[in-house]
Amino acid sequence: MDVKYNPLKYIPDPSLQTYFMLVLFTIWSVWFGFLASNYLGFFNYNTVASIIIHCAILLPLAFTNAIFIDAERDGHKWLKEWQEERSRYKLVVNRLKTKNLVMWNPNKEA
């Protein structure tokens, strides 16, 4: 998986590209580990386990497809909205941490 060739290249922020690649890497690694443990004989083979393993490929495929389609859909419009929301959140958090913050009491100061 390389951002030069997959739809994550439309995300201009490299940290978000890295985050999404890490999430996809983790999901696929867990799935392949589950598959390898079955083939190495850690589980007794039965039809139910085989059906579950074959159907389980649909979850990582659907998740990867959803991330790629979302990255392609709006280009970087959603990234700007996310950054604005994050900056507003940081502003509120920083205001709560400020020690000079004094609540105005109109009865006391009027």
PDB file of N, CA and C in Angstrom:
ATOM      1  N   MET A   1       0.851  -1.171   0.000  1.00  0.00           N
ATOM      2  CA  MET A   1       0.000   0.000   0.000  1.00  0.00           C
ATOM      3  C   MET A   1       0.896   1.233   0.000  1.00  0.00           C
ATOM      4  N   ASP A   2       0.777   1.990  -1.036  1.00  0.00           N
ATOM      5  CA  ASP A   2       1.586   3.191  -1.203  1.00  0.00           C
ATOM      6  C   ASP A   2       0.648   4.337  -1.546  1.00  0.00           C
ATOM      7  N   VAL A   3       0.808   5.475  -0.882  1.00  0.00           N
ATOM      8  CA  VAL A   3      -0.100   6.594  -1.125  1.00  0.00           C
ATOM      9  C   VAL A   3       0.096   7.208  -2.501  1.00  0.00           C
ATOM     10  N   LYS A   4       1.152   6.842  -3.194  1.00  0.00           N
ATOM     11  CA  LYS A   4       1.307   7.318  -4.571  1.00  0.00           C
ATOM     12  C   LYS A   4       0.277   6.677  -5.483  1.00  0.00           C
ATOM     13  N   TYR A   5      -0.164   5.476  -5.135  1.00  0.00           N
ATOM     14  CA  TYR A   5      -1.017   4.710  -6.031  1.00  0.00           C
ATOM     15  C   TYR A   5      -2.433   4.494  -5.515  1.00  0.00           C
ATOM     16  N   ASN A   6      -2.683   4.707  -4.237  1.00  0.00           N
ATOM     17  CA  ASN A   6      -4.044   4.503  -3.743  1.00  0.00           C
ATOM     18  C   ASN A   6      -4.740   5.853  -3.540  1.00  0.00           C
ATOM     19  N   PRO A   7      -6.038   5.849  -3.339  1.00  0.00           N
ATOM     20  CA  PRO A   7      -6.800   7.099  -3.231  1.00  0.00           C
ATOM     21  C   PRO A   7      -6.472   7.964  -2.019  1.00  0.00           C
ATOM     22  N   LEU A   8      -5.662   7.488  -1.100  1.00  0.00           N
ATOM     23  CA  LEU A   8      -5.294   8.335   0.034  1.00  0.00           C
ATOM     24  C   LEU A   8      -4.395   9.487  -0.391  1.00  0.00           C
ATOM     25  N   LYS A   9      -3.924   9.456  -1.633  1.00  0.00           N
ATOM     26  CA  LYS A   9      -3.088  10.559  -2.123  1.00  0.00           C
ATOM     27  C   LYS A   9      -3.887  11.859  -2.215  1.00  0.00           C
ATOM     28  N   TYR A  10      -5.207  11.772  -2.228  1.00  0.00           N
ATOM     29  CA  TYR A  10      -6.035  12.981  -2.296  1.00  0.00           C
ATOM     30  C   TYR A  10      -6.108  13.702  -0.955  1.00  0.00           C
ATOM     31  N   ILE A  11      -5.652  13.068   0.116  1.00  0.00           N
ATOM     32  CA  ILE A  11      -5.619  13.714   1.427  1.00  0.00           C
ATOM     33  C   ILE A  11      -4.309  14.482   1.510  1.00  0.00           C
ATOM     34  N   PRO A  12      -4.344  15.803   1.589  1.00  0.00           N
ATOM     35  CA  PRO A  12      -3.099  16.574   1.549  1.00  0.00           C
ATOM     36  C   PRO A  12      -2.281  16.525   2.843  1.00  0.00           C
ATOM     37  N   ASP A  13      -2.873  16.087   3.937  1.00  0.00           N
ATOM     38  CA  ASP A  13      -2.165  16.067   5.221  1.00  0.00           C
ATOM     39  C   ASP A  13      -1.450  14.722   5.390  1.00  0.00           C
ATOM     40  N   PRO A  14      -0.108  14.702   5.407  1.00  0.00           N
ATOM     41  CA  PRO A  14       0.619  13.438   5.522  1.00  0.00           C
ATOM     42  C   PRO A  14       0.360  12.689   6.829  1.00  0.00           C
ATOM     43  N   SER A  15       0.059  13.409   7.907  1.00  0.00           N
ATOM     44  CA  SER A  15      -0.206  12.709   9.169  1.00  0.00           C
ATOM     45  C   SER A  15      -1.511  11.917   9.091  1.00  0.00           C
ATOM     46  N   LEU A  16      -2.516  12.459   8.408  1.00  0.00           N
ATOM     47  CA  LEU A  16      -3.763  11.712   8.243  1.00  0.00           C
ATOM     48  C   LEU A  16      -3.582  10.543   7.288  1.00  0.00           C
ATOM     49  N   GLN A  17      -2.772  10.720   6.247  1.00  0.00           N
ATOM     50  CA  GLN A  17      -2.463   9.598   5.355  1.00  0.00           C
ATOM     51  C   GLN A  17      -1.825   8.468   6.144  1.00  0.00           C
ATOM     52  N   THR A  18      -0.885   8.820   7.009  1.00  0.00           N
ATOM     53  CA  THR A  18      -0.194   7.821   7.824  1.00  0.00           C
ATOM     54  C   THR A  18      -1.164   7.144   8.779  1.00  0.00           C
ATOM     55  N   TYR A  19      -2.060   7.915   9.375  1.00  0.00           N
ATOM     56  CA  TYR A  19      -3.034   7.350  10.297  1.00  0.00           C
ATOM     57  C   TYR A  19      -3.921   6.325   9.591  1.00  0.00           C
ATOM     58  N   PHE A  20      -4.471   6.696   8.445  1.00  0.00           N
ATOM     59  CA  PHE A  20      -5.342   5.777   7.723  1.00  0.00           C
ATOM     60  C   PHE A  20      -4.588   4.534   7.248  1.00  0.00           C
ATOM     61  N   MET A  21      -3.351   4.710   6.814  1.00  0.00           N
ATOM     62  CA  MET A  21      -2.552   3.558   6.394  1.00  0.00           C
ATOM     63  C   MET A  21      -2.280   2.646   7.588  1.00  0.00           C
ATOM     64  N   LEU A  22      -2.030   3.209   8.756  1.00  0.00           N
ATOM     65  CA  LEU A  22      -1.780   2.404   9.945  1.00  0.00           C
ATOM     66  C   LEU A  22      -3.024   1.621  10.353  1.00  0.00           C
ATOM     67  N   VAL A  23      -4.178   2.255  10.276  1.00  0.00           N
ATOM     68  CA  VAL A  23      -5.428   1.569  10.602  1.00  0.00           C
ATOM     69  C   VAL A  23      -5.674   0.421   9.627  1.00  0.00           C
ATOM     70  N   LEU A  24      -5.501   0.683   8.335  1.00  0.00           N
ATOM     71  CA  LEU A  24      -5.695  -0.377   7.344  1.00  0.00           C
ATOM     72  C   LEU A  24      -4.676  -1.499   7.523  1.00  0.00           C
ATOM     73  N   PHE A  25      -3.422  -1.145   7.814  1.00  0.00           N
ATOM     74  CA  PHE A  25      -2.382  -2.149   8.053  1.00  0.00           C
ATOM     75  C   PHE A  25      -2.766  -3.049   9.220  1.00  0.00           C
ATOM     76  N   THR A  26      -3.262  -2.450  10.297  1.00  0.00           N
ATOM     77  CA  THR A  26      -3.638  -3.221  11.478  1.00  0.00           C
ATOM     78  C   THR A  26      -4.793  -4.170  11.177  1.00  0.00           C
ATOM     79  N   ILE A  27      -5.794  -3.670  10.480  1.00  0.00           N
ATOM     80  CA  ILE A  27      -6.953  -4.503  10.153  1.00  0.00           C
ATOM     81  C   ILE A  27      -6.538  -5.694   9.294  1.00  0.00           C
ATOM     82  N   TRP A  28      -5.738  -5.430   8.259  1.00  0.00           N
ATOM     83  CA  TRP A  28      -5.329  -6.517   7.373  1.00  0.00           C
ATOM     84  C   TRP A  28      -4.370  -7.475   8.064  1.00  0.00           C
ATOM     85  N   SER A  29      -3.519  -6.989   8.944  1.00  0.00           N
ATOM     86  CA  SER A  29      -2.603  -7.875   9.673  1.00  0.00           C
ATOM     87  C   SER A  29      -3.372  -8.817  10.593  1.00  0.00           C
ATOM     88  N   VAL A  30      -4.378  -8.306  11.271  1.00  0.00           N
ATOM     89  CA  VAL A  30      -5.200  -9.152  12.138  1.00  0.00           C
ATOM     90  C   VAL A  30      -5.903 -10.217  11.307  1.00  0.00           C
ATOM     91  N   TRP A  31      -6.448  -9.821  10.175  1.00  0.00           N
ATOM     92  CA  TRP A  31      -7.157 -10.791   9.345  1.00  0.00           C
ATOM     93  C   TRP A  31      -6.211 -11.872   8.821  1.00  0.00           C
ATOM     94  N   PHE A  32      -5.036 -11.473   8.328  1.00  0.00           N
ATOM     95  CA  PHE A  32      -4.092 -12.474   7.824  1.00  0.00           C
ATOM     96  C   PHE A  32      -3.551 -13.340   8.957  1.00  0.00           C
ATOM     97  N   GLY A  33      -3.393 -12.794  10.139  1.00  0.00           N
ATOM     98  CA  GLY A  33      -2.985 -13.602  11.282  1.00  0.00           C
ATOM     99  C   GLY A  33      -4.041 -14.635  11.648  1.00  0.00           C
ATOM    100  N   PHE A  34      -5.295 -14.234  11.593  1.00  0.00           N
ATOM    101  CA  PHE A  34      -6.393 -15.156  11.845  1.00  0.00           C
ATOM    102  C   PHE A  34      -6.407 -16.260  10.792  1.00  0.00           C
ATOM    103  N   LEU A  35      -6.203 -15.887   9.549  1.00  0.00           N
ATOM    104  CA  LEU A  35      -6.172 -16.862   8.458  1.00  0.00           C
ATOM    105  C   LEU A  35      -4.989 -17.819   8.608  1.00  0.00           C
ATOM    106  N   ALA A  36      -3.819 -17.298   8.935  1.00  0.00           N
ATOM    107  CA  ALA A  36      -2.633 -18.139   9.098  1.00  0.00           C
ATOM    108  C   ALA A  36      -2.793 -19.098  10.273  1.00  0.00           C
ATOM    109  N   SER A  37      -3.393 -18.625  11.374  1.00  0.00           N
ATOM    110  CA  SER A  37      -3.585 -19.514  12.526  1.00  0.00           C
ATOM    111  C   SER A  37      -4.525 -20.662  12.177  1.00  0.00           C
ATOM    112  N   ASN A  38      -5.470 -20.422  11.307  1.00  0.00           N
ATOM    113  CA  ASN A  38      -6.363 -21.493  10.868  1.00  0.00           C
ATOM    114  C   ASN A  38      -5.608 -22.489   9.986  1.00  0.00           C
ATOM    115  N   TYR A  39      -4.823 -21.981   9.044  1.00  0.00           N
ATOM    116  CA  TYR A  39      -4.101 -22.872   8.140  1.00  0.00           C
ATOM    117  C   TYR A  39      -2.985 -23.641   8.844  1.00  0.00           C
ATOM    118  N   LEU A  40      -2.428 -23.091   9.925  1.00  0.00           N
ATOM    119  CA  LEU A  40      -1.386 -23.794  10.668  1.00  0.00           C
ATOM    120  C   LEU A  40      -1.959 -24.846  11.614  1.00  0.00           C
ATOM    121  N   GLY A  41      -3.263 -24.885  11.726  1.00  0.00           N
ATOM    122  CA  GLY A  41      -3.905 -25.940  12.500  1.00  0.00           C
ATOM    123  C   GLY A  41      -4.148 -25.596  13.947  1.00  0.00           C
ATOM    124  N   PHE A  42      -4.126 -24.325  14.305  1.00  0.00           N
ATOM    125  CA  PHE A  42      -4.413 -23.957  15.687  1.00  0.00           C
ATOM    126  C   PHE A  42      -5.886 -24.180  16.033  1.00  0.00           C
ATOM    127  N   PHE A  43      -6.727 -24.161  15.029  1.00  0.00           N
ATOM    128  CA  PHE A  43      -8.140 -24.475  15.214  1.00  0.00           C
ATOM    129  C   PHE A  43      -8.413 -25.779  14.475  1.00  0.00           C
ATOM    130  N   ASN A  44      -9.300 -26.581  15.011  1.00  0.00           N
ATOM    131  CA  ASN A  44      -9.694 -27.779  14.278  1.00  0.00           C
ATOM    132  C   ASN A  44     -10.531 -27.357  13.090  1.00  0.00           C
ATOM    133  N   TYR A  45     -10.252 -27.967  11.949  1.00  0.00           N
ATOM    134  CA  TYR A  45     -10.986 -27.591  10.744  1.00  0.00           C
ATOM    135  C   TYR A  45     -12.414 -28.107  10.831  1.00  0.00           C
ATOM    136  N   ASN A  46     -13.326 -27.210  10.560  1.00  0.00           N
ATOM    137  CA  ASN A  46     -14.720 -27.604  10.395  1.00  0.00           C
ATOM    138  C   ASN A  46     -15.374 -26.638   9.426  1.00  0.00           C
ATOM    139  N   THR A  47     -16.543 -26.970   9.003  1.00  0.00           N
ATOM    140  CA  THR A  47     -17.236 -26.177   7.986  1.00  0.00           C
ATOM    141  C   THR A  47     -17.608 -24.794   8.504  1.00  0.00           C
ATOM    142  N   VAL A  48     -18.010 -24.709   9.746  1.00  0.00           N
ATOM    143  CA  VAL A  48     -18.405 -23.418  10.314  1.00  0.00           C
ATOM    144  C   VAL A  48     -17.216 -22.462  10.346  1.00  0.00           C
ATOM    145  N   ALA A  49     -16.044 -22.937  10.783  1.00  0.00           N
ATOM    146  CA  ALA A  49     -14.850 -22.097  10.806  1.00  0.00           C
ATOM    147  C   ALA A  49     -14.470 -21.651   9.404  1.00  0.00           C
ATOM    148  N   SER A  50     -14.595 -22.539   8.431  1.00  0.00           N
ATOM    149  CA  SER A  50     -14.281 -22.193   7.051  1.00  0.00           C
ATOM    150  C   SER A  50     -15.213 -21.106   6.519  1.00  0.00           C
ATOM    151  N   ILE A  51     -16.488 -21.239   6.830  1.00  0.00           N
ATOM    152  CA  ILE A  51     -17.466 -20.231   6.385  1.00  0.00           C
ATOM    153  C   ILE A  51     -17.174 -18.885   7.034  1.00  0.00           C
ATOM    154  N   ILE A  52     -16.859 -18.904   8.336  1.00  0.00           N
ATOM    155  CA  ILE A  52     -16.560 -17.659   9.049  1.00  0.00           C
ATOM    156  C   ILE A  52     -15.324 -16.991   8.453  1.00  0.00           C
ATOM    157  N   ILE A  53     -14.278 -17.767   8.179  1.00  0.00           N
ATOM    158  CA  ILE A  53     -13.051 -17.202   7.625  1.00  0.00           C
ATOM    159  C   ILE A  53     -13.299 -16.639   6.227  1.00  0.00           C
ATOM    160  N   HIS A  54     -14.055 -17.352   5.424  1.00  0.00           N
ATOM    161  CA  HIS A  54     -14.322 -16.843   4.081  1.00  0.00           C
ATOM    162  C   HIS A  54     -15.221 -15.611   4.098  1.00  0.00           C
ATOM    163  N   CYS A  55     -16.153 -15.547   5.024  1.00  0.00           N
ATOM    164  CA  CYS A  55     -17.014 -14.359   5.124  1.00  0.00           C
ATOM    165  C   CYS A  55     -16.290 -13.199   5.792  1.00  0.00           C
ATOM    166  N   ALA A  56     -15.294 -13.512   6.616  1.00  0.00           N
ATOM    167  CA  ALA A  56     -14.574 -12.460   7.340  1.00  0.00           C
ATOM    168  C   ALA A  56     -13.757 -11.574   6.415  1.00  0.00           C
ATOM    169  N   ILE A  57     -13.473 -12.022   5.214  1.00  0.00           N
ATOM    170  CA  ILE A  57     -12.728 -11.182   4.259  1.00  0.00           C
ATOM    171  C   ILE A  57     -13.566  -9.983   3.824  1.00  0.00           C
ATOM    172  N   LEU A  58     -14.867 -10.093   3.947  1.00  0.00           N
ATOM    173  CA  LEU A  58     -15.736  -8.993   3.518  1.00  0.00           C
ATOM    174  C   LEU A  58     -15.580  -7.756   4.409  1.00  0.00           C
ATOM    175  N   LEU A  59     -15.318  -7.945   5.695  1.00  0.00           N
ATOM    176  CA  LEU A  59     -15.187  -6.794   6.604  1.00  0.00           C
ATOM    177  C   LEU A  59     -13.975  -5.921   6.269  1.00  0.00           C
ATOM    178  N   PRO A  60     -12.752  -6.479   6.147  1.00  0.00           N
ATOM    179  CA  PRO A  60     -11.631  -5.612   5.781  1.00  0.00           C
ATOM    180  C   PRO A  60     -11.772  -5.017   4.383  1.00  0.00           C
ATOM    181  N   LEU A  61     -12.359  -5.786   3.461  1.00  0.00           N
ATOM    182  CA  LEU A  61     -12.562  -5.251   2.112  1.00  0.00           C
ATOM    183  C   LEU A  61     -13.528  -4.064   2.132  1.00  0.00           C
ATOM    184  N   ALA A  62     -14.629  -4.196   2.855  1.00  0.00           N
ATOM    185  CA  ALA A  62     -15.609  -3.114   2.924  1.00  0.00           C
ATOM    186  C   ALA A  62     -15.026  -1.886   3.620  1.00  0.00           C
ATOM    187  N   PHE A  63     -14.264  -2.100   4.684  1.00  0.00           N
ATOM    188  CA  PHE A  63     -13.670  -0.985   5.414  1.00  0.00           C
ATOM    189  C   PHE A  63     -12.641  -0.252   4.549  1.00  0.00           C
ATOM    190  N   THR A  64     -11.789  -1.002   3.869  1.00  0.00           N
ATOM    191  CA  THR A  64     -10.798  -0.389   2.976  1.00  0.00           C
ATOM    192  C   THR A  64     -11.478   0.377   1.856  1.00  0.00           C
ATOM    193  N   ASN A  65     -12.502  -0.208   1.278  1.00  0.00           N
ATOM    194  CA  ASN A  65     -13.240   0.456   0.206  1.00  0.00           C
ATOM    195  C   ASN A  65     -13.896   1.739   0.704  1.00  0.00           C
ATOM    196  N   ALA A  66     -14.460   1.705   1.895  1.00  0.00           N
ATOM    197  CA  ALA A  66     -15.107   2.903   2.451  1.00  0.00           C
ATOM    198  C   ALA A  66     -14.092   4.026   2.666  1.00  0.00           C
ATOM    199  N   ILE A  67     -12.920   3.688   3.170  1.00  0.00           N
ATOM    200  CA  ILE A  67     -11.882   4.712   3.386  1.00  0.00           C
ATOM    201  C   ILE A  67     -11.422   5.288   2.060  1.00  0.00           C
ATOM    202  N   PHE A  68     -11.203   4.437   1.059  1.00  0.00           N
ATOM    203  CA  PHE A  68     -10.739   4.924  -0.240  1.00  0.00           C
ATOM    204  C   PHE A  68     -11.795   5.782  -0.933  1.00  0.00           C
ATOM    205  N   ILE A  69     -13.038   5.382  -0.874  1.00  0.00           N
ATOM    206  CA  ILE A  69     -14.104   6.170  -1.511  1.00  0.00           C
ATOM    207  C   ILE A  69     -14.252   7.517  -0.806  1.00  0.00           C
ATOM    208  N   ASP A  70     -14.164   7.517   0.531  1.00  0.00           N
ATOM    209  CA  ASP A  70     -14.276   8.773   1.280  1.00  0.00           C
ATOM    210  C   ASP A  70     -13.115   9.706   0.956  1.00  0.00           C
ATOM    211  N   ALA A  71     -11.923   9.150   0.771  1.00  0.00           N
ATOM    212  CA  ALA A  71     -10.765   9.988   0.435  1.00  0.00           C
ATOM    213  C   ALA A  71     -10.910  10.587  -0.957  1.00  0.00           C
ATOM    214  N   GLU A  72     -11.493   9.850  -1.873  1.00  0.00           N
ATOM    215  CA  GLU A  72     -11.672  10.354  -3.246  1.00  0.00           C
ATOM    216  C   GLU A  72     -12.837  11.321  -3.375  1.00  0.00           C
ATOM    217  N   ARG A  73     -13.861  11.140  -2.559  1.00  0.00           N
ATOM    218  CA  ARG A  73     -15.144  11.808  -2.758  1.00  0.00           C
ATOM    219  C   ARG A  73     -15.051  13.323  -2.820  1.00  0.00           C
ATOM    220  N   ASP A  74     -14.553  13.934  -1.790  1.00  0.00           N
ATOM    221  CA  ASP A  74     -14.581  15.394  -1.729  1.00  0.00           C
ATOM    222  C   ASP A  74     -13.214  16.026  -1.897  1.00  0.00           C
ATOM    223  N   GLY A  75     -12.235  15.242  -2.240  1.00  0.00           N
ATOM    224  CA  GLY A  75     -10.900  15.807  -2.333  1.00  0.00           C
ATOM    225  C   GLY A  75     -10.437  16.224  -0.955  1.00  0.00           C
ATOM    226  N   HIS A  76     -10.113  17.482  -0.785  1.00  0.00           N
ATOM    227  CA  HIS A  76      -9.641  17.938   0.514  1.00  0.00           C
ATOM    228  C   HIS A  76     -10.668  18.806   1.232  1.00  0.00           C
ATOM    229  N   LYS A  77     -11.906  18.845   0.731  1.00  0.00           N
ATOM    230  CA  LYS A  77     -12.946  19.641   1.385  1.00  0.00           C
ATOM    231  C   LYS A  77     -13.222  19.130   2.795  1.00  0.00           C
ATOM    232  N   TRP A  78     -13.327  17.824   2.959  1.00  0.00           N
ATOM    233  CA  TRP A  78     -13.596  17.267   4.280  1.00  0.00           C
ATOM    234  C   TRP A  78     -12.419  17.489   5.217  1.00  0.00           C
ATOM    235  N   LEU A  79     -11.208  17.557   4.680  1.00  0.00           N
ATOM    236  CA  LEU A  79     -10.035  17.794   5.510  1.00  0.00           C
ATOM    237  C   LEU A  79     -10.079  19.200   6.101  1.00  0.00           C
ATOM    238  N   LYS A  80     -10.474  20.176   5.287  1.00  0.00           N
ATOM    239  CA  LYS A  80     -10.589  21.548   5.798  1.00  0.00           C
ATOM    240  C   LYS A  80     -11.634  21.622   6.906  1.00  0.00           C
ATOM    241  N   GLU A  81     -12.757  20.946   6.703  1.00  0.00           N
ATOM    242  CA  GLU A  81     -13.804  20.949   7.731  1.00  0.00           C
ATOM    243  C   GLU A  81     -13.307  20.284   9.010  1.00  0.00           C
ATOM    244  N   TRP A  82     -12.574  19.198   8.878  1.00  0.00           N
ATOM    245  CA  TRP A  82     -12.041  18.496  10.042  1.00  0.00           C
ATOM    246  C   TRP A  82     -11.023  19.358  10.785  1.00  0.00           C
ATOM    247  N   GLN A  83     -10.164  20.071  10.041  1.00  0.00           N
ATOM    248  CA  GLN A  83      -9.167  20.933  10.679  1.00  0.00           C
ATOM    249  C   GLN A  83      -9.830  22.103  11.393  1.00  0.00           C
ATOM    250  N   GLU A  84     -10.894  22.668  10.807  1.00  0.00           N
ATOM    251  CA  GLU A  84     -11.609  23.756  11.471  1.00  0.00           C
ATOM    252  C   GLU A  84     -12.272  23.260  12.758  1.00  0.00           C
ATOM    253  N   GLU A  85     -12.856  22.084  12.714  1.00  0.00           N
ATOM    254  CA  GLU A  85     -13.483  21.524  13.910  1.00  0.00           C
ATOM    255  C   GLU A  85     -12.434  21.245  14.986  1.00  0.00           C
ATOM    256  N   ARG A  86     -11.285  20.731  14.579  1.00  0.00           N
ATOM    257  CA  ARG A  86     -10.214  20.441  15.525  1.00  0.00           C
ATOM    258  C   ARG A  86      -9.675  21.727  16.154  1.00  0.00           C
ATOM    259  N   SER A  87      -9.548  22.801  15.340  1.00  0.00           N
ATOM    260  CA  SER A  87      -9.043  24.054  15.891  1.00  0.00           C
ATOM    261  C   SER A  87     -10.059  24.669  16.867  1.00  0.00           C
ATOM    262  N   ARG A  88     -11.352  24.545  16.566  1.00  0.00           N
ATOM    263  CA  ARG A  88     -12.369  25.036  17.509  1.00  0.00           C
ATOM    264  C   ARG A  88     -12.324  24.245  18.812  1.00  0.00           C
ATOM    265  N   TYR A  89     -12.122  22.953  18.713  1.00  0.00           N
ATOM    266  CA  TYR A  89     -12.033  22.124  19.913  1.00  0.00           C
ATOM    267  C   TYR A  89     -10.812  22.514  20.741  1.00  0.00           C
ATOM    268  N   LYS A  90      -9.671  22.731  20.088  1.00  0.00           N
ATOM    269  CA  LYS A  90      -8.467  23.134  20.809  1.00  0.00           C
ATOM    270  C   LYS A  90      -8.656  24.485  21.494  1.00  0.00           C
ATOM    271  N   LEU A  91      -9.384  25.382  20.829  1.00  0.00           N
ATOM    272  CA  LEU A  91      -9.649  26.687  21.416  1.00  0.00           C
ATOM    273  C   LEU A  91     -10.441  26.544  22.707  1.00  0.00           C
ATOM    274  N   VAL A  92     -11.458  25.703  22.698  1.00  0.00           N
ATOM    275  CA  VAL A  92     -12.276  25.496  23.894  1.00  0.00           C
ATOM    276  C   VAL A  92     -11.453  24.834  24.992  1.00  0.00           C
ATOM    277  N   VAL A  93     -10.659  23.831  24.636  1.00  0.00           N
ATOM    278  CA  VAL A  93      -9.845  23.141  25.634  1.00  0.00           C
ATOM    279  C   VAL A  93      -8.820  24.090  26.230  1.00  0.00           C
ATOM    280  N   ASN A  94      -8.202  24.922  25.402  1.00  0.00           N
ATOM    281  CA  ASN A  94      -7.223  25.876  25.916  1.00  0.00           C
ATOM    282  C   ASN A  94      -7.868  26.921  26.811  1.00  0.00           C
ATOM    283  N   ARG A  95      -9.089  27.296  26.506  1.00  0.00           N
ATOM    284  CA  ARG A  95      -9.785  28.256  27.373  1.00  0.00           C
ATOM    285  C   ARG A  95     -10.068  27.644  28.732  1.00  0.00           C
ATOM    286  N   LEU A  96     -10.379  26.368  28.756  1.00  0.00           N
ATOM    287  CA  LEU A  96     -10.662  25.723  30.032  1.00  0.00           C
ATOM    288  C   LEU A  96      -9.401  25.565  30.875  1.00  0.00           C
ATOM    289  N   LYS A  97      -8.242  25.505  30.239  1.00  0.00           N
ATOM    290  CA  LYS A  97      -6.984  25.353  30.956  1.00  0.00           C
ATOM    291  C   LYS A  97      -6.421  26.679  31.455  1.00  0.00           C
ATOM    292  N   THR A  98      -6.921  27.776  30.957  1.00  0.00           N
ATOM    293  CA  THR A  98      -6.381  29.088  31.308  1.00  0.00           C
ATOM    294  C   THR A  98      -6.637  29.380  32.778  1.00  0.00           C
ATOM    295  N   LYS A  99      -5.571  29.780  33.491  1.00  0.00           N
ATOM    296  CA  LYS A  99      -5.696  30.065  34.917  1.00  0.00           C
ATOM    297  C   LYS A  99      -6.212  31.479  35.159  1.00  0.00           C
ATOM    298  N   ASN A 100      -6.109  32.351  34.190  1.00  0.00           N
ATOM    299  CA  ASN A 100      -6.556  33.732  34.353  1.00  0.00           C
ATOM    300  C   ASN A 100      -8.035  33.899  34.037  1.00  0.00           C
ATOM    301  N   LEU A 101      -8.686  32.835  33.773  1.00  0.00           N
ATOM    302  CA  LEU A 101     -10.100  32.904  33.424  1.00  0.00           C
ATOM    303  C   LEU A 101     -10.918  33.207  34.675  1.00  0.00           C
ATOM    304  N   VAL A 102     -11.677  34.274  34.609  1.00  0.00           N
ATOM    305  CA  VAL A 102     -12.505  34.680  35.738  1.00  0.00           C
ATOM    306  C   VAL A 102     -13.929  34.817  35.228  1.00  0.00           C
ATOM    307  N   MET A 103     -14.830  34.193  35.935  1.00  0.00           N
ATOM    308  CA  MET A 103     -16.229  34.293  35.544  1.00  0.00           C
ATOM    309  C   MET A 103     -16.751  35.673  35.938  1.00  0.00           C
ATOM    310  N   TRP A 104     -17.440  36.333  35.052  1.00  0.00           N
ATOM    311  CA  TRP A 104     -17.957  37.663  35.310  1.00  0.00           C
ATOM    312  C   TRP A 104     -19.244  37.566  36.115  1.00  0.00           C
ATOM    313  N   ASN A 105     -19.285  38.240  37.196  1.00  0.00           N
ATOM    314  CA  ASN A 105     -20.452  38.265  38.058  1.00  0.00           C
ATOM    315  C   ASN A 105     -21.029  39.655  38.012  1.00  0.00           C
ATOM    316  N   PRO A 106     -22.126  39.878  37.268  1.00  0.00           N
ATOM    317  CA  PRO A 106     -22.663  41.231  37.142  1.00  0.00           C
ATOM    318  C   PRO A 106     -23.186  41.803  38.456  1.00  0.00           C
ATOM    319  N   ASN A 107     -23.611  40.983  39.380  1.00  0.00           N
ATOM    320  CA  ASN A 107     -24.087  41.472  40.658  1.00  0.00           C
ATOM    321  C   ASN A 107     -22.962  42.026  41.519  1.00  0.00           C
ATOM    322  N   LYS A 108     -21.805  41.473  41.395  1.00  0.00           N
ATOM    323  CA  LYS A 108     -20.667  41.883  42.193  1.00  0.00           C
ATOM    324  C   LYS A 108     -20.005  43.120  41.613  1.00  0.00           C
ATOM    325  N   GLU A 109     -19.939  43.226  40.288  1.00  0.00           N
ATOM    326  CA  GLU A 109     -19.194  44.303  39.651  1.00  0.00           C
ATOM    327  C   GLU A 109     -20.072  45.457  39.175  1.00  0.00           C
ATOM    328  N   ALA A 110     -21.355  45.330  39.220  1.00  0.00           N
ATOM    329  CA  ALA A 110     -22.224  46.374  38.701  1.00  0.00           C
ATOM    330  C   ALA A 110     -22.443  47.489  39.688  1.00  0.00           C
TER     331      ALA A 110
END
